[in-house]
Amino acid sequence: MKRKYEKPCYYCGEKAEENEHAPPKQMFKAFSCDSITVPACKKHNSCKGGSDQAIVSSFLVPLYNGREKYNLEPEILKAIEQAKSAFIRTKRRAIDSPLFNDTPEEFKDLPNLAYIVPEMDIKSWVRQLTAALVCDAIQDIDYTIKWEDAMSWSPDFIEASKPESLRFENGVSILRKNYNIKLRLEQLVWINGWSAHPRAYPKIIYYFQLYFKPTEIVFRHKFYNQYTWYVWFSASQQTISKLKDKISSQNAC
């Protein structure tokens, strides 16, 4: 029997027809944990669009390539083992590739990264994840939030027109600027968010934190203990209050 959804899509407010997992269930296949789910329309179910698996692969391919060079946590190795069969299926969307087209000899031993094709739109993907978590907290949609205008940024992500298209000098300059921005953001007072309940997500795999301003909220997402994404947006006072209540209730458990 098809499930009926009485609540609107977590992102756009249109009629919901299915569930969106936040974050996607592909991240947690190797673990015994519950899921955060919210009502979604077909357009904003990122699993149906194929972006979930490609983006998860883009996170894990560089870690897989560097598994012998770096000391990865057991949970990360377990996640890689579970997901690596998908690397072939997603290889045209999460492309195993060097970052630079002119890597100096002394850096030739660096493992390949993953080029995520623009069609996967990882910035929007992280916005949607944030919207789903907000919906989970307030059990509704805040129509005052303009998600398309929310800032979505990562110090670990560099946009490029194609794989292996960045010059080393340009790439290093971008990474240096990103690092300096990240240092400033890290000085904010971050509050731990919530997780799936009762069986929480493994924190090594995913967790998030929040920073509150009088009329704005910043989410800091951490994936696989490696990648940080920030989403900054304006919200109503009611939503800000409900998010704080959600955090307080989680901490009381």
C-alpha atoms as a PDB file:
ATOM      1  CA  MET A   1       0.000   0.000   0.000  1.00  0.00           C
ATOM      2  CA  LYS A   2       1.414   3.370  -0.982  1.00  0.00           C
ATOM      3  CA  ARG A   3       2.116   5.645   1.960  1.00  0.00           C
ATOM      4  CA  LYS A   4       0.210   8.935   2.050  1.00  0.00           C
ATOM      5  CA  TYR A   5       2.077  12.088   3.017  1.00  0.00           C
ATOM      6  CA  GLU A   6       0.157  14.852   4.733  1.00  0.00           C
ATOM      7  CA  LYS A   7       3.138  17.175   5.167  1.00  0.00           C
ATOM      8  CA  PRO A   8       4.840  19.157   2.394  1.00  0.00           C
ATOM      9  CA  CYS A   9       8.271  18.519   0.898  1.00  0.00           C
ATOM     10  CA  TYR A  10      11.012  19.556   3.312  1.00  0.00           C
ATOM     11  CA  TYR A  11      12.660  21.780   0.683  1.00  0.00           C
ATOM     12  CA  CYS A  12      10.118  23.381  -1.628  1.00  0.00           C
ATOM     13  CA  GLY A  13       6.802  22.910   0.169  1.00  0.00           C
ATOM     14  CA  GLU A  14       5.180  21.013  -2.697  1.00  0.00           C
ATOM     15  CA  LYS A  15       3.297  17.762  -2.154  1.00  0.00           C
ATOM     16  CA  ALA A  16       5.529  15.061  -0.655  1.00  0.00           C
ATOM     17  CA  GLU A  17       5.490  11.596  -2.219  1.00  0.00           C
ATOM     18  CA  GLU A  18       8.382   9.804  -0.518  1.00  0.00           C
ATOM     19  CA  ASN A  19      11.056  10.074   2.165  1.00  0.00           C
ATOM     20  CA  GLU A  20      14.420  11.807   1.971  1.00  0.00           C
ATOM     21  CA  HIS A  21      17.174  10.402   4.207  1.00  0.00           C
ATOM     22  CA  ALA A  22      19.391  12.993   5.874  1.00  0.00           C
ATOM     23  CA  PRO A  23      22.216  12.262   5.228  1.00  0.00           C
ATOM     24  CA  PRO A  24      21.691   9.592   2.535  1.00  0.00           C
ATOM     25  CA  LYS A  25      21.442   6.003   3.698  1.00  0.00           C
ATOM     26  CA  GLN A  26      24.322   5.041   1.374  1.00  0.00           C
ATOM     27  CA  MET A  27      26.706   6.572   3.915  1.00  0.00           C
ATOM     28  CA  PHE A  28      25.668   4.151   6.645  1.00  0.00           C
ATOM     29  CA  LYS A  29      25.207   0.784   4.918  1.00  0.00           C
ATOM     30  CA  ALA A  30      28.092  -0.699   6.900  1.00  0.00           C
ATOM     31  CA  PHE A  31      26.668   0.369  10.262  1.00  0.00           C
ATOM     32  CA  SER A  32      23.736  -0.400  12.530  1.00  0.00           C
ATOM     33  CA  CYS A  33      22.060   2.956  12.983  1.00  0.00           C
ATOM     34  CA  ASP A  34      18.715   4.591  12.457  1.00  0.00           C
ATOM     35  CA  SER A  35      17.933   7.347   9.945  1.00  0.00           C
ATOM     36  CA  ILE A  36      16.617  10.876   9.971  1.00  0.00           C
ATOM     37  CA  THR A  37      13.910  11.053   7.304  1.00  0.00           C
ATOM     38  CA  VAL A  38      11.658  13.851   6.094  1.00  0.00           C
ATOM     39  CA  PRO A  39       8.845  14.054   3.514  1.00  0.00           C
ATOM     40  CA  ALA A  40      10.110  14.866   0.023  1.00  0.00           C
ATOM     41  CA  CYS A  41       8.796  15.467  -3.459  1.00  0.00           C
ATOM     42  CA  LYS A  42      10.387  13.471  -6.266  1.00  0.00           C
ATOM     43  CA  LYS A  43      12.463  16.439  -7.422  1.00  0.00           C
ATOM     44  CA  HIS A  44      14.105  16.906  -4.034  1.00  0.00           C
ATOM     45  CA  ASN A  45      14.765  13.270  -3.224  1.00  0.00           C
ATOM     46  CA  SER A  46      18.475  13.233  -4.029  1.00  0.00           C
ATOM     47  CA  CYS A  47      18.596   9.433  -3.991  1.00  0.00           C
ATOM     48  CA  LYS A  48      16.163   9.249  -6.916  1.00  0.00           C
ATOM     49  CA  GLY A  49      18.251  11.755  -8.851  1.00  0.00           C
ATOM     50  CA  GLY A  50      21.361   9.595  -8.488  1.00  0.00           C
ATOM     51  CA  SER A  51      23.419  12.283  -6.798  1.00  0.00           C
ATOM     52  CA  ASP A  52      23.607  10.562  -3.397  1.00  0.00           C
ATOM     53  CA  GLN A  53      25.738   7.628  -4.529  1.00  0.00           C
ATOM     54  CA  ALA A  54      27.961   9.779  -6.742  1.00  0.00           C
ATOM     55  CA  ILE A  55      28.661  12.276  -3.968  1.00  0.00           C
ATOM     56  CA  VAL A  56      29.317   9.531  -1.413  1.00  0.00           C
ATOM     57  CA  SER A  57      31.787   8.034  -3.904  1.00  0.00           C
ATOM     58  CA  SER A  58      33.433  11.434  -4.360  1.00  0.00           C
ATOM     59  CA  PHE A  59      34.058  11.532  -0.605  1.00  0.00           C
ATOM     60  CA  LEU A  60      35.391   7.987  -0.401  1.00  0.00           C
ATOM     61  CA  VAL A  61      37.459   7.572  -3.586  1.00  0.00           C
ATOM     62  CA  PRO A  62      40.277   9.871  -2.322  1.00  0.00           C
ATOM     63  CA  LEU A  63      40.298   8.052   1.022  1.00  0.00           C
ATOM     64  CA  TYR A  64      40.431   4.692  -0.750  1.00  0.00           C
ATOM     65  CA  ASN A  65      43.329   5.915  -2.898  1.00  0.00           C
ATOM     66  CA  GLY A  66      45.177   7.122   0.184  1.00  0.00           C
ATOM     67  CA  ARG A  67      44.359   4.221   2.487  1.00  0.00           C
ATOM     68  CA  GLU A  68      47.950   2.945   2.542  1.00  0.00           C
ATOM     69  CA  LYS A  69      49.470   6.403   2.908  1.00  0.00           C
ATOM     70  CA  TYR A  70      47.241   7.766   5.656  1.00  0.00           C
ATOM     71  CA  ASN A  71      46.149   6.352   9.001  1.00  0.00           C
ATOM     72  CA  LEU A  72      42.399   6.042   8.485  1.00  0.00           C
ATOM     73  CA  GLU A  73      39.985   5.198  11.289  1.00  0.00           C
ATOM     74  CA  PRO A  74      38.478   1.667  11.294  1.00  0.00           C
ATOM     75  CA  GLU A  75      35.018   3.116  10.635  1.00  0.00           C
ATOM     76  CA  ILE A  76      36.294   4.865   7.508  1.00  0.00           C
ATOM     77  CA  LEU A  77      37.904   1.668   6.242  1.00  0.00           C
ATOM     78  CA  LYS A  78      34.650  -0.177   6.901  1.00  0.00           C
ATOM     79  CA  ALA A  79      32.676   2.445   4.964  1.00  0.00           C
ATOM     80  CA  ILE A  80      35.129   2.233   2.047  1.00  0.00           C
ATOM     81  CA  GLU A  81      34.889  -1.558   1.927  1.00  0.00           C
ATOM     82  CA  GLN A  82      31.100  -1.368   1.824  1.00  0.00           C
ATOM     83  CA  ALA A  83      31.001   1.359  -0.838  1.00  0.00           C
ATOM     84  CA  LYS A  84      33.859   0.512  -3.196  1.00  0.00           C
ATOM     85  CA  SER A  85      31.711  -1.662  -5.472  1.00  0.00           C
ATOM     86  CA  ALA A  86      29.795   1.528  -6.317  1.00  0.00           C
ATOM     87  CA  PHE A  87      32.942   3.327  -7.491  1.00  0.00           C
ATOM     88  CA  ILE A  88      32.625   1.668 -10.906  1.00  0.00           C
ATOM     89  CA  ARG A  89      28.933   2.597 -11.231  1.00  0.00           C
ATOM     90  CA  THR A  90      29.648   6.231 -10.400  1.00  0.00           C
ATOM     91  CA  LYS A  91      32.990   6.583 -12.204  1.00  0.00           C
ATOM     92  CA  ARG A  92      31.581   8.993 -14.817  1.00  0.00           C
ATOM     93  CA  ARG A  93      30.154  11.277 -12.120  1.00  0.00           C
ATOM     94  CA  ALA A  94      32.830  10.948  -9.430  1.00  0.00           C
ATOM     95  CA  ILE A  95      35.948  10.710 -11.573  1.00  0.00           C
ATOM     96  CA  ASP A  96      39.183   9.347 -10.095  1.00  0.00           C
ATOM     97  CA  SER A  97      41.638  12.052 -11.095  1.00  0.00           C
ATOM     98  CA  PRO A  98      44.671  14.099 -10.012  1.00  0.00           C
ATOM     99  CA  LEU A  99      43.797  17.586  -8.828  1.00  0.00           C
ATOM    100  CA  PHE A 100      46.435  19.373 -10.915  1.00  0.00           C
ATOM    101  CA  ASN A 101      47.560  19.094 -14.533  1.00  0.00           C
ATOM    102  CA  ASP A 102      51.132  20.110 -13.706  1.00  0.00           C
ATOM    103  CA  THR A 103      51.830  18.477 -10.342  1.00  0.00           C
ATOM    104  CA  PRO A 104      55.478  19.034  -9.300  1.00  0.00           C
ATOM    105  CA  GLU A 105      57.614  15.926  -9.033  1.00  0.00           C
ATOM    106  CA  GLU A 106      57.840  16.141  -5.241  1.00  0.00           C
ATOM    107  CA  PHE A 107      54.037  15.822  -4.992  1.00  0.00           C
ATOM    108  CA  LYS A 108      53.570  13.054  -7.553  1.00  0.00           C
ATOM    109  CA  ASP A 109      52.977  10.487  -4.810  1.00  0.00           C
ATOM    110  CA  LEU A 110      49.819  12.238  -3.588  1.00  0.00           C
ATOM    111  CA  PRO A 111      46.753  10.027  -4.117  1.00  0.00           C
ATOM    112  CA  ASN A 112      44.196  10.923  -6.751  1.00  0.00           C
ATOM    113  CA  LEU A 113      41.096  12.790  -5.656  1.00  0.00           C
ATOM    114  CA  ALA A 114      37.593  12.582  -7.137  1.00  0.00           C
ATOM    115  CA  TYR A 115      36.281  15.134  -9.603  1.00  0.00           C
ATOM    116  CA  ILE A 116      32.540  15.491  -9.072  1.00  0.00           C
ATOM    117  CA  VAL A 117      30.842  16.520 -12.306  1.00  0.00           C
ATOM    118  CA  PRO A 118      28.921  19.834 -12.174  1.00  0.00           C
ATOM    119  CA  GLU A 119      25.609  18.081 -12.866  1.00  0.00           C
ATOM    120  CA  MET A 120      25.774  16.507  -9.407  1.00  0.00           C
ATOM    121  CA  ASP A 121      25.768  20.035  -7.892  1.00  0.00           C
ATOM    122  CA  ILE A 122      27.270  19.202  -4.519  1.00  0.00           C
ATOM    123  CA  LYS A 123      26.551  22.716  -3.219  1.00  0.00           C
ATOM    124  CA  SER A 124      22.811  22.214  -3.700  1.00  0.00           C
ATOM    125  CA  TRP A 125      23.110  18.709  -2.268  1.00  0.00           C
ATOM    126  CA  VAL A 126      24.495  20.101   0.996  1.00  0.00           C
ATOM    127  CA  ARG A 127      21.797  22.812   1.034  1.00  0.00           C
ATOM    128  CA  GLN A 128      19.163  20.093   0.720  1.00  0.00           C
ATOM    129  CA  LEU A 129      20.744  18.104   3.547  1.00  0.00           C
ATOM    130  CA  THR A 130      20.616  21.222   5.724  1.00  0.00           C
ATOM    131  CA  ALA A 131      16.983  21.869   4.799  1.00  0.00           C
ATOM    132  CA  ALA A 132      16.098  18.289   5.715  1.00  0.00           C
ATOM    133  CA  LEU A 133      17.720  18.625   9.139  1.00  0.00           C
ATOM    134  CA  VAL A 134      15.881  21.897   9.766  1.00  0.00           C
ATOM    135  CA  CYS A 135      12.605  20.232   8.765  1.00  0.00           C
ATOM    136  CA  ASP A 136      13.352  17.332  11.115  1.00  0.00           C
ATOM    137  CA  ALA A 137      13.847  19.759  13.998  1.00  0.00           C
ATOM    138  CA  ILE A 138      10.819  21.992  13.457  1.00  0.00           C
ATOM    139  CA  GLN A 139       8.586  19.210  12.018  1.00  0.00           C
ATOM    140  CA  ASP A 140       7.494  21.619   9.322  1.00  0.00           C
ATOM    141  CA  ILE A 141       8.871  23.804   6.541  1.00  0.00           C
ATOM    142  CA  ASP A 142       9.926  27.408   7.175  1.00  0.00           C
ATOM    143  CA  TYR A 143       8.746  29.272   4.082  1.00  0.00           C
ATOM    144  CA  THR A 144      10.806  32.323   5.055  1.00  0.00           C
ATOM    145  CA  ILE A 145      14.037  30.422   4.329  1.00  0.00           C
ATOM    146  CA  LYS A 146      15.272  30.947   0.780  1.00  0.00           C
ATOM    147  CA  TRP A 147      17.377  27.837   0.353  1.00  0.00           C
ATOM    148  CA  GLU A 148      18.575  28.757  -3.127  1.00  0.00           C
ATOM    149  CA  ASP A 149      20.151  31.880  -1.612  1.00  0.00           C
ATOM    150  CA  ALA A 150      21.868  30.027   1.238  1.00  0.00           C
ATOM    151  CA  MET A 151      25.659  30.107   1.134  1.00  0.00           C
ATOM    152  CA  SER A 152      27.060  26.607   0.611  1.00  0.00           C
ATOM    153  CA  TRP A 153      30.840  26.417   0.827  1.00  0.00           C
ATOM    154  CA  SER A 154      33.660  24.029   1.674  1.00  0.00           C
ATOM    155  CA  PRO A 155      37.381  24.672   2.148  1.00  0.00           C
ATOM    156  CA  ASP A 156      37.934  21.174   0.758  1.00  0.00           C
ATOM    157  CA  PHE A 157      36.155  21.742  -2.555  1.00  0.00           C
ATOM    158  CA  ILE A 158      37.530  23.501  -5.627  1.00  0.00           C
ATOM    159  CA  GLU A 159      35.316  24.043  -8.651  1.00  0.00           C
ATOM    160  CA  ALA A 160      36.899  23.106 -11.967  1.00  0.00           C
ATOM    161  CA  SER A 161      35.651  22.835 -15.538  1.00  0.00           C
ATOM    162  CA  LYS A 162      36.920  19.282 -15.995  1.00  0.00           C
ATOM    163  CA  PRO A 163      39.158  16.665 -14.301  1.00  0.00           C
ATOM    164  CA  GLU A 164      42.840  17.466 -13.928  1.00  0.00           C
ATOM    165  CA  SER A 165      42.308  21.006 -15.235  1.00  0.00           C
ATOM    166  CA  LEU A 166      43.815  23.114 -12.446  1.00  0.00           C
ATOM    167  CA  ARG A 167      47.312  24.495 -12.556  1.00  0.00           C
ATOM    168  CA  PHE A 168      49.309  23.762  -9.400  1.00  0.00           C
ATOM    169  CA  GLU A 169      50.015  27.416  -8.623  1.00  0.00           C
ATOM    170  CA  ASN A 170      46.367  28.425  -8.970  1.00  0.00           C
ATOM    171  CA  GLY A 171      45.121  25.471  -6.949  1.00  0.00           C
ATOM    172  CA  VAL A 172      47.518  26.108  -4.082  1.00  0.00           C
ATOM    173  CA  SER A 173      46.447  29.761  -4.007  1.00  0.00           C
ATOM    174  CA  ILE A 174      42.777  28.752  -3.746  1.00  0.00           C
ATOM    175  CA  LEU A 175      43.502  26.196  -1.028  1.00  0.00           C
ATOM    176  CA  ARG A 176      45.473  28.764   0.947  1.00  0.00           C
ATOM    177  CA  LYS A 177      42.592  31.261   0.800  1.00  0.00           C
ATOM    178  CA  ASN A 178      40.131  28.538   1.769  1.00  0.00           C
ATOM    179  CA  TYR A 179      42.265  27.562   4.736  1.00  0.00           C
ATOM    180  CA  ASN A 180      42.352  31.149   6.006  1.00  0.00           C
ATOM    181  CA  ILE A 181      38.561  31.440   5.727  1.00  0.00           C
ATOM    182  CA  LYS A 182      38.155  28.129   7.543  1.00  0.00           C
ATOM    183  CA  LEU A 183      40.379  29.352  10.385  1.00  0.00           C
ATOM    184  CA  ARG A 184      38.049  32.298  10.932  1.00  0.00           C
ATOM    185  CA  LEU A 185      34.955  30.105  10.824  1.00  0.00           C
ATOM    186  CA  GLU A 186      36.477  27.656  13.291  1.00  0.00           C
ATOM    187  CA  GLN A 187      36.707  30.471  15.849  1.00  0.00           C
ATOM    188  CA  LEU A 188      32.915  30.671  16.064  1.00  0.00           C
ATOM    189  CA  VAL A 189      31.211  29.011  19.030  1.00  0.00           C
ATOM    190  CA  TRP A 190      29.767  25.818  17.556  1.00  0.00           C
ATOM    191  CA  ILE A 191      26.997  23.806  19.223  1.00  0.00           C
ATOM    192  CA  ASN A 192      26.645  20.075  18.573  1.00  0.00           C
ATOM    193  CA  GLY A 193      23.604  19.110  16.542  1.00  0.00           C
ATOM    194  CA  TRP A 194      21.502  15.971  16.876  1.00  0.00           C
ATOM    195  CA  SER A 195      21.619  12.545  15.278  1.00  0.00           C
ATOM    196  CA  ALA A 196      19.425   9.624  14.328  1.00  0.00           C
ATOM    197  CA  HIS A 197      17.596   8.119  17.311  1.00  0.00           C
ATOM    198  CA  PRO A 198      17.842   5.833  19.163  1.00  0.00           C
ATOM    199  CA  ARG A 199      20.793   4.402  17.214  1.00  0.00           C
ATOM    200  CA  ALA A 200      22.905   7.423  16.318  1.00  0.00           C
ATOM    201  CA  TYR A 201      25.004   7.873  13.201  1.00  0.00           C
ATOM    202  CA  PRO A 202      28.683   6.970  13.734  1.00  0.00           C
ATOM    203  CA  LYS A 203      30.262  10.354  14.453  1.00  0.00           C
ATOM    204  CA  ILE A 204      33.360   9.462  12.419  1.00  0.00           C
ATOM    205  CA  ILE A 205      31.104   9.090   9.379  1.00  0.00           C
ATOM    206  CA  TYR A 206      28.912  12.152   9.883  1.00  0.00           C
ATOM    207  CA  TYR A 207      28.002  14.819  12.386  1.00  0.00           C
ATOM    208  CA  PHE A 208      27.002  18.461  12.275  1.00  0.00           C
ATOM    209  CA  GLN A 209      27.150  21.550  14.442  1.00  0.00           C
ATOM    210  CA  LEU A 210      25.376  24.900  14.449  1.00  0.00           C
ATOM    211  CA  TYR A 211      26.205  28.524  15.078  1.00  0.00           C
ATOM    212  CA  PHE A 212      23.432  31.017  15.787  1.00  0.00           C
ATOM    213  CA  LYS A 213      23.284  34.713  14.973  1.00  0.00           C
ATOM    214  CA  PRO A 214      20.245  36.879  15.835  1.00  0.00           C
ATOM    215  CA  THR A 215      18.558  36.238  12.470  1.00  0.00           C
ATOM    216  CA  GLU A 216      20.882  33.708  10.825  1.00  0.00           C
ATOM    217  CA  ILE A 217      22.055  30.123  11.259  1.00  0.00           C
ATOM    218  CA  VAL A 218      25.219  28.388  10.111  1.00  0.00           C
ATOM    219  CA  PHE A 219      25.437  24.606   9.806  1.00  0.00           C
ATOM    220  CA  ARG A 220      28.841  22.943   9.795  1.00  0.00           C
ATOM    221  CA  HIS A 221      28.688  19.433   8.321  1.00  0.00           C
ATOM    222  CA  LYS A 222      31.550  16.977   8.788  1.00  0.00           C
ATOM    223  CA  PHE A 223      31.760  13.949   6.472  1.00  0.00           C
ATOM    224  CA  TYR A 224      34.078  10.988   7.079  1.00  0.00           C
ATOM    225  CA  ASN A 225      36.119  13.025   9.573  1.00  0.00           C
ATOM    226  CA  GLN A 226      37.746  14.727   6.559  1.00  0.00           C
ATOM    227  CA  TYR A 227      35.431  17.040   4.657  1.00  0.00           C
ATOM    228  CA  THR A 228      33.774  20.155   6.070  1.00  0.00           C
ATOM    229  CA  TRP A 229      30.846  21.965   4.464  1.00  0.00           C
ATOM    230  CA  TYR A 230      29.181  25.142   5.737  1.00  0.00           C
ATOM    231  CA  VAL A 231      25.653  26.342   4.948  1.00  0.00           C
ATOM    232  CA  TRP A 232      24.682  29.869   6.057  1.00  0.00           C
ATOM    233  CA  PHE A 233      21.101  31.174   5.811  1.00  0.00           C
ATOM    234  CA  SER A 234      18.501  33.485   7.342  1.00  0.00           C
ATOM    235  CA  ALA A 235      15.567  31.999   9.264  1.00  0.00           C
ATOM    236  CA  SER A 236      12.573  33.058  11.330  1.00  0.00           C
ATOM    237  CA  GLN A 237      12.847  33.516  15.088  1.00  0.00           C
ATOM    238  CA  GLN A 238      10.435  30.622  15.535  1.00  0.00           C
ATOM    239  CA  THR A 239      12.729  28.303  13.582  1.00  0.00           C
ATOM    240  CA  ILE A 240      15.810  29.462  15.483  1.00  0.00           C
ATOM    241  CA  SER A 241      13.987  28.816  18.768  1.00  0.00           C
ATOM    242  CA  LYS A 242      12.836  25.347  17.673  1.00  0.00           C
ATOM    243  CA  LEU A 243      16.346  24.399  16.562  1.00  0.00           C
ATOM    244  CA  LYS A 244      17.710  25.400  19.954  1.00  0.00           C
ATOM    245  CA  ASP A 245      14.948  23.376  21.637  1.00  0.00           C
ATOM    246  CA  LYS A 246      15.832  20.358  19.497  1.00  0.00           C
ATOM    247  CA  ILE A 247      19.474  20.614  20.547  1.00  0.00           C
ATOM    248  CA  SER A 248      18.503  20.959  24.220  1.00  0.00           C
ATOM    249  CA  SER A 249      16.220  17.921  24.079  1.00  0.00           C
ATOM    250  CA  GLN A 250      18.934  15.847  22.387  1.00  0.00           C
ATOM    251  CA  ASN A 251      21.479  16.812  25.023  1.00  0.00           C
ATOM    252  CA  ALA A 252      19.011  15.897  27.767  1.00  0.00           C
ATOM    253  CA  CYS A 253      18.703  12.322  26.491  1.00  0.00           C
END
